[in-house]
C-alpha atoms as a PDB file:
ATOM      1  CA  MET A   1     -49.492-209.583 -92.822  1.00  0.00           C
ATOM      2  CA  THR A   2     -48.915-212.874 -91.168  1.00  0.00           C
ATOM      3  CA  VAL A   3     -49.169-212.803 -86.948  1.00  0.00           C
ATOM      4  CA  THR A   4     -46.998-214.704 -84.722  1.00  0.00           C
ATOM      5  CA  PRO A   5     -48.656-217.649 -82.488  1.00  0.00           C
ATOM      6  CA  ALA A   6     -47.950-215.400 -79.322  1.00  0.00           C
ATOM      7  CA  ALA A   7     -48.629-212.149 -81.054  1.00  0.00           C
ATOM      8  CA  MET A   8     -50.192-209.266 -78.710  1.00  0.00           C
ATOM      9  CA  ARG A   9     -53.730-208.921 -79.140  1.00  0.00           C
ATOM     10  CA  VAL A  10     -54.782-205.093 -79.070  1.00  0.00           C
ATOM     11  CA  MET A  11     -57.704-203.028 -78.954  1.00  0.00           C
ATOM     12  CA  ILE A  12     -57.606-199.699 -79.706  1.00  0.00           C
ATOM     13  CA  VAL A  13     -60.596-196.983 -77.756  1.00  0.00           C
ATOM     14  CA  ASP A  14     -60.517-193.524 -79.114  1.00  0.00           C
ATOM     15  CA  ASP A  15     -63.435-191.243 -80.497  1.00  0.00           C
ATOM     16  CA  HIS A  16     -61.788-190.339 -83.667  1.00  0.00           C
ATOM     17  CA  PRO A  17     -62.084-192.484 -86.579  1.00  0.00           C
ATOM     18  CA  VAL A  18     -59.095-191.519 -88.016  1.00  0.00           C
ATOM     19  CA  VAL A  19     -56.947-192.093 -85.061  1.00  0.00           C
ATOM     20  CA  ARG A  20     -58.429-195.310 -84.722  1.00  0.00           C
ATOM     21  CA  LYS A  21     -57.921-196.573 -87.981  1.00  0.00           C
ATOM     22  CA  GLY A  22     -54.464-194.718 -88.418  1.00  0.00           C
ATOM     23  CA  LEU A  23     -53.278-196.796 -85.463  1.00  0.00           C
ATOM     24  CA  ALA A  24     -54.957-199.977 -86.375  1.00  0.00           C
ATOM     25  CA  SER A  25     -52.792-199.352 -89.753  1.00  0.00           C
ATOM     26  CA  PHE A  26     -50.000-198.742 -87.937  1.00  0.00           C
ATOM     27  CA  LEU A  27     -50.344-201.436 -85.599  1.00  0.00           C
ATOM     28  CA  GLY A  28     -51.164-203.958 -87.987  1.00  0.00           C
ATOM     29  CA  HIS A  29     -48.225-204.069 -89.606  1.00  0.00           C
ATOM     30  CA  GLU A  30     -46.010-205.295 -86.663  1.00  0.00           C
ATOM     31  CA  PRO A  31     -45.683-208.950 -86.905  1.00  0.00           C
ATOM     32  CA  ASP A  32     -46.219-209.300 -83.116  1.00  0.00           C
ATOM     33  CA  ILE A  33     -49.358-207.008 -82.712  1.00  0.00           C
ATOM     34  CA  GLU A  34     -52.965-208.005 -83.840  1.00  0.00           C
ATOM     35  CA  VAL A  35     -55.908-205.362 -83.518  1.00  0.00           C
ATOM     36  CA  VAL A  36     -58.594-207.743 -82.269  1.00  0.00           C
ATOM     37  CA  GLY A  37     -60.735-204.300 -82.121  1.00  0.00           C
ATOM     38  CA  LEU A  38     -61.752-200.856 -82.407  1.00  0.00           C
ATOM     39  CA  ALA A  39     -64.047-199.041 -80.135  1.00  0.00           C
ATOM     40  CA  ASP A  40     -65.574-195.475 -80.076  1.00  0.00           C
ATOM     41  CA  SER A  41     -66.351-195.139 -76.408  1.00  0.00           C
ATOM     42  CA  GLY A  42     -66.072-196.241 -73.102  1.00  0.00           C
ATOM     43  CA  GLU A  43     -69.448-197.946 -73.241  1.00  0.00           C
ATOM     44  CA  GLN A  44     -68.052-199.936 -76.744  1.00  0.00           C
ATOM     45  CA  ALA A  45     -64.586-200.867 -75.427  1.00  0.00           C
ATOM     46  CA  LEU A  46     -65.949-202.750 -72.146  1.00  0.00           C
ATOM     47  CA  GLU A  47     -68.595-204.698 -74.125  1.00  0.00           C
ATOM     48  CA  MET A  48     -65.777-205.773 -76.799  1.00  0.00           C
ATOM     49  CA  ALA A  49     -63.177-206.251 -73.932  1.00  0.00           C
ATOM     50  CA  GLN A  50     -65.341-208.936 -72.781  1.00  0.00           C
ATOM     51  CA  GLU A  51     -65.540-210.679 -76.062  1.00  0.00           C
ATOM     52  CA  LEU A  52     -62.190-210.261 -77.847  1.00  0.00           C
ATOM     53  CA  HIS A  53     -60.144-210.572 -74.602  1.00  0.00           C
ATOM     54  CA  PRO A  54     -57.193-207.846 -75.520  1.00  0.00           C
ATOM     55  CA  ASP A  55     -53.904-207.835 -73.963  1.00  0.00           C
ATOM     56  CA  VAL A  56     -53.241-204.400 -74.232  1.00  0.00           C
ATOM     57  CA  VAL A  57     -55.950-201.727 -74.744  1.00  0.00           C
ATOM     58  CA  LEU A  58     -54.956-198.380 -75.897  1.00  0.00           C
ATOM     59  CA  MET A  59     -57.521-195.750 -74.442  1.00  0.00           C
ATOM     60  CA  ASP A  60     -58.161-192.340 -75.131  1.00  0.00           C
ATOM     61  CA  LEU A  61     -58.674-190.158 -71.973  1.00  0.00           C
ATOM     62  CA  SER A  62     -61.175-187.818 -73.407  1.00  0.00           C
ATOM     63  CA  MET A  63     -63.965-188.971 -75.263  1.00  0.00           C
ATOM     64  CA  PRO A  64     -67.987-188.559 -75.015  1.00  0.00           C
ATOM     65  CA  GLY A  65     -70.000-190.484 -72.693  1.00  0.00           C
ATOM     66  CA  MET A  66     -67.746-192.723 -70.579  1.00  0.00           C
ATOM     67  CA  GLY A  67     -64.184-191.334 -70.448  1.00  0.00           C
ATOM     68  CA  GLY A  68     -61.093-193.145 -70.347  1.00  0.00           C
ATOM     69  CA  ILE A  69     -60.527-192.888 -66.682  1.00  0.00           C
ATOM     70  CA  GLU A  70     -63.881-194.521 -65.945  1.00  0.00           C
ATOM     71  CA  ALA A  71     -63.774-196.863 -68.933  1.00  0.00           C
ATOM     72  CA  THR A  72     -60.114-198.048 -67.292  1.00  0.00           C
ATOM     73  CA  LYS A  73     -61.618-198.129 -63.853  1.00  0.00           C
ATOM     74  CA  ARG A  74     -64.496-200.750 -65.138  1.00  0.00           C
ATOM     75  CA  LEU A  75     -61.912-202.474 -67.228  1.00  0.00           C
ATOM     76  CA  VAL A  76     -59.326-203.478 -65.031  1.00  0.00           C
ATOM     77  CA  GLN A  77     -62.338-205.011 -62.563  1.00  0.00           C
ATOM     78  CA  SER A  78     -63.989-206.939 -65.176  1.00  0.00           C
ATOM     79  CA  ALA A  79     -60.947-208.131 -67.438  1.00  0.00           C
ATOM     80  CA  PRO A  80     -58.089-208.073 -64.988  1.00  0.00           C
ATOM     81  CA  GLY A  81     -55.542-209.618 -67.291  1.00  0.00           C
ATOM     82  CA  THR A  82     -56.197-207.204 -69.491  1.00  0.00           C
ATOM     83  CA  ARG A  83     -53.766-203.980 -69.464  1.00  0.00           C
ATOM     84  CA  VAL A  84     -54.595-200.518 -70.325  1.00  0.00           C
ATOM     85  CA  MET A  85     -52.483-197.693 -71.587  1.00  0.00           C
ATOM     86  CA  MET A  86     -53.593-194.525 -71.860  1.00  0.00           C
ATOM     87  CA  LEU A  87     -52.813-192.540 -75.181  1.00  0.00           C
ATOM     88  CA  THR A  88     -54.083-189.059 -75.199  1.00  0.00           C
ATOM     89  CA  SER A  89     -53.334-185.186 -76.425  1.00  0.00           C
ATOM     90  CA  PHE A  90     -53.189-184.077 -72.910  1.00  0.00           C
ATOM     91  CA  GLY A  91     -50.242-184.085 -71.072  1.00  0.00           C
ATOM     92  CA  GLY A  92     -49.959-182.721 -67.573  1.00  0.00           C
ATOM     93  CA  HIS A  93     -48.801-184.394 -64.316  1.00  0.00           C
ATOM     94  CA  GLU A  94     -52.544-184.653 -62.675  1.00  0.00           C
ATOM     95  CA  ARG A  95     -54.030-186.154 -65.749  1.00  0.00           C
ATOM     96  CA  MET A  96     -51.183-188.873 -65.590  1.00  0.00           C
ATOM     97  CA  VAL A  97     -51.805-189.565 -61.978  1.00  0.00           C
ATOM     98  CA  GLU A  98     -55.560-190.057 -62.201  1.00  0.00           C
ATOM     99  CA  ALA A  99     -55.153-192.309 -65.467  1.00  0.00           C
ATOM    100  CA  LEU A 100     -52.739-194.338 -63.214  1.00  0.00           C
ATOM    101  CA  LYS A 101     -54.677-194.455 -60.287  1.00  0.00           C
ATOM    102  CA  SER A 102     -57.700-195.437 -62.359  1.00  0.00           C
ATOM    103  CA  GLY A 103     -55.552-198.745 -63.372  1.00  0.00           C
ATOM    104  CA  ALA A 104     -54.082-197.760 -66.520  1.00  0.00           C
ATOM    105  CA  VAL A 105     -50.035-198.855 -66.656  1.00  0.00           C
ATOM    106  CA  GLY A 106     -48.522-196.400 -68.347  1.00  0.00           C
ATOM    107  CA  TYR A 107     -49.353-192.808 -69.920  1.00  0.00           C
ATOM    108  CA  VAL A 108     -48.513-191.918 -73.618  1.00  0.00           C
ATOM    109  CA  VAL A 109     -49.220-188.429 -75.496  1.00  0.00           C
ATOM    110  CA  LYS A 110     -50.137-188.867 -78.936  1.00  0.00           C
ATOM    111  CA  ASP A 111     -47.292-187.336 -80.463  1.00  0.00           C
ATOM    112  CA  THR A 112     -45.275-189.787 -78.964  1.00  0.00           C
ATOM    113  CA  ALA A 113     -42.408-191.334 -81.867  1.00  0.00           C
ATOM    114  CA  PRO A 114     -44.182-194.438 -83.226  1.00  0.00           C
ATOM    115  CA  ALA A 115     -41.267-196.404 -82.383  1.00  0.00           C
ATOM    116  CA  ASP A 116     -41.744-195.287 -78.683  1.00  0.00           C
ATOM    117  CA  LEU A 117     -45.365-196.429 -79.116  1.00  0.00           C
ATOM    118  CA  LEU A 118     -44.374-199.829 -79.936  1.00  0.00           C
ATOM    119  CA  ASN A 119     -41.484-200.034 -77.232  1.00  0.00           C
ATOM    120  CA  ALA A 120     -44.430-199.229 -74.755  1.00  0.00           C
ATOM    121  CA  LEU A 121     -46.883-201.937 -75.900  1.00  0.00           C
ATOM    122  CA  ARG A 122     -44.428-204.448 -76.338  1.00  0.00           C
ATOM    123  CA  SER A 123     -42.931-203.781 -72.825  1.00  0.00           C
ATOM    124  CA  VAL A 124     -46.952-203.579 -71.417  1.00  0.00           C
ATOM    125  CA  ALA A 125     -47.027-207.122 -72.706  1.00  0.00           C
ATOM    126  CA  ALA A 126     -44.174-208.537 -71.324  1.00  0.00           C
ATOM    127  CA  THR A 127     -43.983-206.668 -68.056  1.00  0.00           C
ATOM    128  CA  GLY A 128     -47.449-205.581 -67.203  1.00  0.00           C
ATOM    129  CA  LYS A 129     -46.025-201.887 -67.229  1.00  0.00           C
ATOM    130  CA  ALA A 130     -44.862-199.267 -69.701  1.00  0.00           C
ATOM    131  CA  PRO A 131     -41.296-198.557 -69.246  1.00  0.00           C
ATOM    132  CA  PRO A 132     -40.559-195.215 -67.633  1.00  0.00           C
ATOM    133  CA  THR A 133     -39.641-193.292 -70.652  1.00  0.00           C
ATOM    134  CA  THR A 134     -43.137-192.913 -72.281  1.00  0.00           C
ATOM    135  CA  VAL A 135     -44.998-191.548 -69.443  1.00  0.00           C
ATOM    136  CA  PHE A 136     -45.125-187.900 -69.625  1.00  0.00           C
END
């Protein structure tokens, strides 16, 4: 697949290998998206983001070690140009508010339709925030 010069650089952070690889495969088929890294923990995400400079990080909320909330707080401080969008199995207002307070620009549940996930990523890259319909 050929990547366009202005492709959005995305890093995927999830402790489940099947989820990481599935998302990478799905997103990698989009001509305007370049998957630049896959991390399995918050700690690894912070290290990789410093090297890879992704535009958007899809961050799992719940991971062993440093979870998505703490990783997001640290990432937005160390890489202010990088946007974080939570992608999680957990819905609910409380978790969404916590994620947004940590610096995430959106919160998407994993059972979101693929087209809606793509729409959210493109919106985040273009405007710095996810469309309201993607926040559950």
